[in-house]
Amino acid sequence: MSVNEDPGAGSLSINYMLNYDNSLSKSNTYSRFDAISDSAYKNLYNRKYINRNSNLNGSVGIHYNGLRQLIFKDHNLWNINMG
């Protein structure tokens, strides 16, 4: 008798996910400073920013619906539901 034919056997499922993200952003920031006390003192700033981000995420999930029977056998302990 195979595992699939056994009415007491549970099924096992495994799933996984792998996700990779990569992003690039560029920005320019301009700012100007004028001094109130000294009109000759002025500054202009031009800033350039480049941001690079990379992410790698992974997950694995395992589900076995025969876990309760595997642990408790035929004993029904307080109607514990697992799964």
N, C-alpha and C. Protein backbone atom coordinates (compact mmCIF):
# COMPACT_ATOMS: atom_id res chain seq x y z
N MET A 1 0.86 -1.17 0.00
CA MET A 1 0.00 0.00 0.00
C MET A 1 0.90 1.23 0.00
N SER A 2 0.64 2.17 -0.89
CA SER A 2 1.45 3.38 -0.95
C SER A 2 0.96 4.39 0.09
N VAL A 3 1.75 5.43 0.28
CA VAL A 3 1.41 6.45 1.28
C VAL A 3 0.11 7.14 0.91
N ASN A 4 -0.15 7.37 -0.36
CA ASN A 4 -1.36 8.07 -0.78
C ASN A 4 -2.62 7.25 -0.53
N GLU A 5 -2.50 5.92 -0.46
CA GLU A 5 -3.67 5.09 -0.25
C GLU A 5 -4.00 4.90 1.21
N ASP A 6 -3.09 5.20 2.10
CA ASP A 6 -3.31 5.03 3.54
C ASP A 6 -4.22 6.13 4.04
N PRO A 7 -5.42 5.79 4.56
CA PRO A 7 -6.34 6.85 5.00
C PRO A 7 -5.81 7.65 6.18
N GLY A 8 -4.89 7.11 6.96
CA GLY A 8 -4.35 7.84 8.10
C GLY A 8 -3.14 8.68 7.77
N ALA A 9 -2.61 8.54 6.56
CA ALA A 9 -1.41 9.28 6.20
C ALA A 9 -1.75 10.72 5.84
N GLY A 10 -0.87 11.63 6.20
CA GLY A 10 -1.07 13.03 5.86
C GLY A 10 -0.30 13.40 4.62
N SER A 11 -0.63 14.54 4.07
CA SER A 11 0.09 14.99 2.89
C SER A 11 1.12 16.04 3.29
N LEU A 12 2.17 16.08 2.54
CA LEU A 12 3.27 17.00 2.81
C LEU A 12 3.40 17.95 1.63
N SER A 13 3.47 19.23 1.92
CA SER A 13 3.70 20.21 0.86
C SER A 13 4.81 21.16 1.28
N ILE A 14 5.65 21.49 0.33
CA ILE A 14 6.76 22.41 0.57
C ILE A 14 6.70 23.48 -0.51
N ASN A 15 6.79 24.73 -0.10
CA ASN A 15 6.84 25.80 -1.08
C ASN A 15 7.98 26.74 -0.74
N TYR A 16 8.48 27.40 -1.74
CA TYR A 16 9.57 28.35 -1.52
C TYR A 16 9.37 29.56 -2.42
N MET A 17 9.98 30.66 -2.01
CA MET A 17 9.90 31.88 -2.78
C MET A 17 11.25 32.58 -2.69
N LEU A 18 11.71 33.09 -3.79
CA LEU A 18 12.95 33.84 -3.86
C LEU A 18 12.66 35.12 -4.63
N ASN A 19 13.01 36.25 -4.05
CA ASN A 19 12.68 37.55 -4.64
C ASN A 19 13.94 38.41 -4.65
N TYR A 20 14.24 39.00 -5.80
CA TYR A 20 15.39 39.88 -5.93
C TYR A 20 14.93 41.21 -6.52
N ASP A 21 15.30 42.31 -5.88
CA ASP A 21 14.97 43.65 -6.35
C ASP A 21 16.25 44.46 -6.49
N ASN A 22 16.30 45.26 -7.52
CA ASN A 22 17.44 46.13 -7.74
C ASN A 22 16.89 47.48 -8.23
N SER A 23 17.31 48.57 -7.59
CA SER A 23 16.79 49.88 -7.99
C SER A 23 17.92 50.91 -8.02
N LEU A 24 17.74 51.89 -8.88
CA LEU A 24 18.69 52.98 -9.03
C LEU A 24 17.89 54.27 -9.10
N SER A 25 18.29 55.26 -8.30
CA SER A 25 17.61 56.55 -8.36
C SER A 25 18.66 57.66 -8.38
N LYS A 26 18.36 58.70 -9.15
CA LYS A 26 19.24 59.86 -9.26
C LYS A 26 18.43 61.11 -8.93
N SER A 27 19.06 62.05 -8.24
CA SER A 27 18.36 63.30 -7.93
C SER A 27 19.36 64.45 -7.85
N ASN A 28 18.87 65.63 -8.14
CA ASN A 28 19.65 66.86 -8.02
C ASN A 28 18.96 67.76 -7.01
N THR A 29 19.76 68.37 -6.15
CA THR A 29 19.22 69.30 -5.15
C THR A 29 19.95 70.63 -5.28
N TYR A 30 19.18 71.66 -5.50
CA TYR A 30 19.73 73.00 -5.60
C TYR A 30 19.29 73.79 -4.37
N SER A 31 20.25 74.48 -3.77
CA SER A 31 19.91 75.36 -2.65
C SER A 31 20.74 76.64 -2.74
N ARG A 32 20.12 77.72 -2.29
CA ARG A 32 20.78 79.01 -2.35
C ARG A 32 20.71 79.64 -0.97
N PHE A 33 21.82 80.23 -0.56
CA PHE A 33 21.90 80.90 0.73
C PHE A 33 22.27 82.37 0.51
N ASP A 34 21.45 83.25 1.01
CA ASP A 34 21.73 84.68 0.97
C ASP A 34 21.77 85.20 2.40
N ALA A 35 22.89 85.79 2.77
CA ALA A 35 23.03 86.34 4.12
C ALA A 35 22.30 87.67 4.22
N ILE A 36 21.54 87.82 5.30
CA ILE A 36 20.80 89.07 5.51
C ILE A 36 21.74 90.17 5.99
N SER A 37 22.67 89.81 6.84
CA SER A 37 23.56 90.82 7.42
C SER A 37 24.62 91.30 6.43
N ASP A 38 25.03 90.44 5.49
CA ASP A 38 26.06 90.83 4.51
C ASP A 38 25.56 90.43 3.12
N SER A 39 25.12 91.39 2.34
CA SER A 39 24.54 91.09 1.04
C SER A 39 25.56 90.53 0.05
N ALA A 40 26.85 90.67 0.34
CA ALA A 40 27.89 90.13 -0.54
C ALA A 40 28.09 88.63 -0.33
N TYR A 41 27.58 88.10 0.79
CA TYR A 41 27.78 86.69 1.10
C TYR A 41 26.61 85.87 0.55
N LYS A 42 26.87 85.16 -0.54
CA LYS A 42 25.86 84.33 -1.17
C LYS A 42 26.51 83.01 -1.56
N ASN A 43 25.75 81.97 -1.42
CA ASN A 43 26.23 80.64 -1.82
C ASN A 43 25.14 79.91 -2.59
N LEU A 44 25.56 79.18 -3.59
CA LEU A 44 24.66 78.34 -4.37
C LEU A 44 25.22 76.92 -4.34
N TYR A 45 24.42 75.98 -3.93
CA TYR A 45 24.85 74.58 -3.83
C TYR A 45 24.07 73.74 -4.85
N ASN A 46 24.79 72.92 -5.56
CA ASN A 46 24.21 71.98 -6.50
C ASN A 46 24.70 70.59 -6.09
N ARG A 47 23.79 69.80 -5.54
CA ARG A 47 24.17 68.47 -5.05
C ARG A 47 23.51 67.41 -5.93
N LYS A 48 24.28 66.41 -6.30
CA LYS A 48 23.77 65.30 -7.08
C LYS A 48 23.89 64.03 -6.24
N TYR A 49 22.81 63.27 -6.22
CA TYR A 49 22.77 62.03 -5.44
C TYR A 49 22.45 60.86 -6.36
N ILE A 50 23.14 59.77 -6.14
CA ILE A 50 22.85 58.51 -6.82
C ILE A 50 22.69 57.44 -5.75
N ASN A 51 21.55 56.80 -5.73
CA ASN A 51 21.27 55.75 -4.75
C ASN A 51 21.03 54.43 -5.47
N ARG A 52 21.72 53.41 -5.01
CA ARG A 52 21.53 52.06 -5.53
C ARG A 52 21.10 51.16 -4.38
N ASN A 53 20.05 50.39 -4.60
CA ASN A 53 19.55 49.46 -3.58
C ASN A 53 19.35 48.09 -4.20
N SER A 54 19.77 47.07 -3.48
CA SER A 54 19.54 45.69 -3.90
C SER A 54 19.02 44.90 -2.71
N ASN A 55 18.02 44.08 -2.95
CA ASN A 55 17.43 43.24 -1.90
C ASN A 55 17.28 41.82 -2.42
N LEU A 56 17.59 40.87 -1.56
CA LEU A 56 17.37 39.47 -1.86
C LEU A 56 16.63 38.86 -0.67
N ASN A 57 15.43 38.34 -0.93
CA ASN A 57 14.61 37.75 0.12
C ASN A 57 14.24 36.34 -0.27
N GLY A 58 14.25 35.46 0.72
CA GLY A 58 13.86 34.08 0.47
C GLY A 58 13.04 33.54 1.62
N SER A 59 12.13 32.63 1.31
CA SER A 59 11.34 31.98 2.35
C SER A 59 10.99 30.56 1.92
N VAL A 60 10.84 29.70 2.92
CA VAL A 60 10.46 28.31 2.69
C VAL A 60 9.32 27.98 3.65
N GLY A 61 8.29 27.33 3.13
CA GLY A 61 7.17 26.91 3.96
C GLY A 61 6.94 25.42 3.83
N ILE A 62 6.68 24.77 4.95
CA ILE A 62 6.41 23.33 4.98
C ILE A 62 5.08 23.11 5.69
N HIS A 63 4.22 22.32 5.07
CA HIS A 63 2.92 22.01 5.66
C HIS A 63 2.72 20.50 5.63
N TYR A 64 2.46 19.93 6.80
CA TYR A 64 2.19 18.50 6.91
C TYR A 64 0.92 18.33 7.70
N ASN A 65 -0.17 17.91 7.04
CA ASN A 65 -1.45 17.84 7.74
C ASN A 65 -1.60 16.57 8.57
N GLY A 66 -0.61 15.70 8.58
CA GLY A 66 -0.66 14.51 9.43
C GLY A 66 0.16 14.66 10.70
N LEU A 67 0.54 15.91 11.03
CA LEU A 67 1.38 16.14 12.21
C LEU A 67 0.68 15.75 13.50
N ARG A 68 -0.60 16.06 13.61
CA ARG A 68 -1.34 15.73 14.83
C ARG A 68 -1.35 14.22 15.07
N GLN A 69 -1.63 13.47 14.04
CA GLN A 69 -1.66 12.01 14.18
C GLN A 69 -0.26 11.47 14.44
N LEU A 70 0.75 12.07 13.85
CA LEU A 70 2.13 11.65 14.07
C LEU A 70 2.53 11.83 15.54
N ILE A 71 2.11 12.92 16.14
CA ILE A 71 2.48 13.21 17.53
C ILE A 71 1.61 12.44 18.52
N PHE A 72 0.28 12.48 18.34
CA PHE A 72 -0.63 11.94 19.34
C PHE A 72 -1.16 10.54 19.00
N LYS A 73 -0.79 10.01 17.84
CA LYS A 73 -1.29 8.71 17.37
C LYS A 73 -2.82 8.73 17.34
N ASP A 74 -3.46 7.76 17.96
CA ASP A 74 -4.92 7.69 17.93
C ASP A 74 -5.57 8.38 19.14
N HIS A 75 -4.78 9.03 19.98
CA HIS A 75 -5.32 9.70 21.17
C HIS A 75 -5.86 11.08 20.78
N ASN A 76 -7.05 11.36 21.18
CA ASN A 76 -7.65 12.67 20.91
C ASN A 76 -7.56 13.47 22.21
N LEU A 77 -6.46 14.19 22.38
CA LEU A 77 -6.21 14.94 23.61
C LEU A 77 -6.87 16.30 23.55
N TRP A 78 -7.99 16.45 24.19
CA TRP A 78 -8.71 17.71 24.34
C TRP A 78 -9.03 18.37 23.01
N ASN A 79 -9.23 17.60 21.98
CA ASN A 79 -9.55 18.13 20.66
C ASN A 79 -8.59 19.21 20.18
N ILE A 80 -7.31 18.97 20.35
CA ILE A 80 -6.29 19.92 19.92
C ILE A 80 -6.25 19.93 18.40
N ASN A 81 -6.39 21.10 17.83
CA ASN A 81 -6.31 21.24 16.38
C ASN A 81 -4.98 21.86 16.01
N MET A 82 -4.25 21.21 15.13
CA MET A 82 -2.98 21.71 14.65
C MET A 82 -3.03 21.76 13.13
N GLY A 83 -2.49 22.75 12.58
CA GLY A 83 -2.42 22.76 11.13
C GLY A 83 -2.85 24.02 10.56
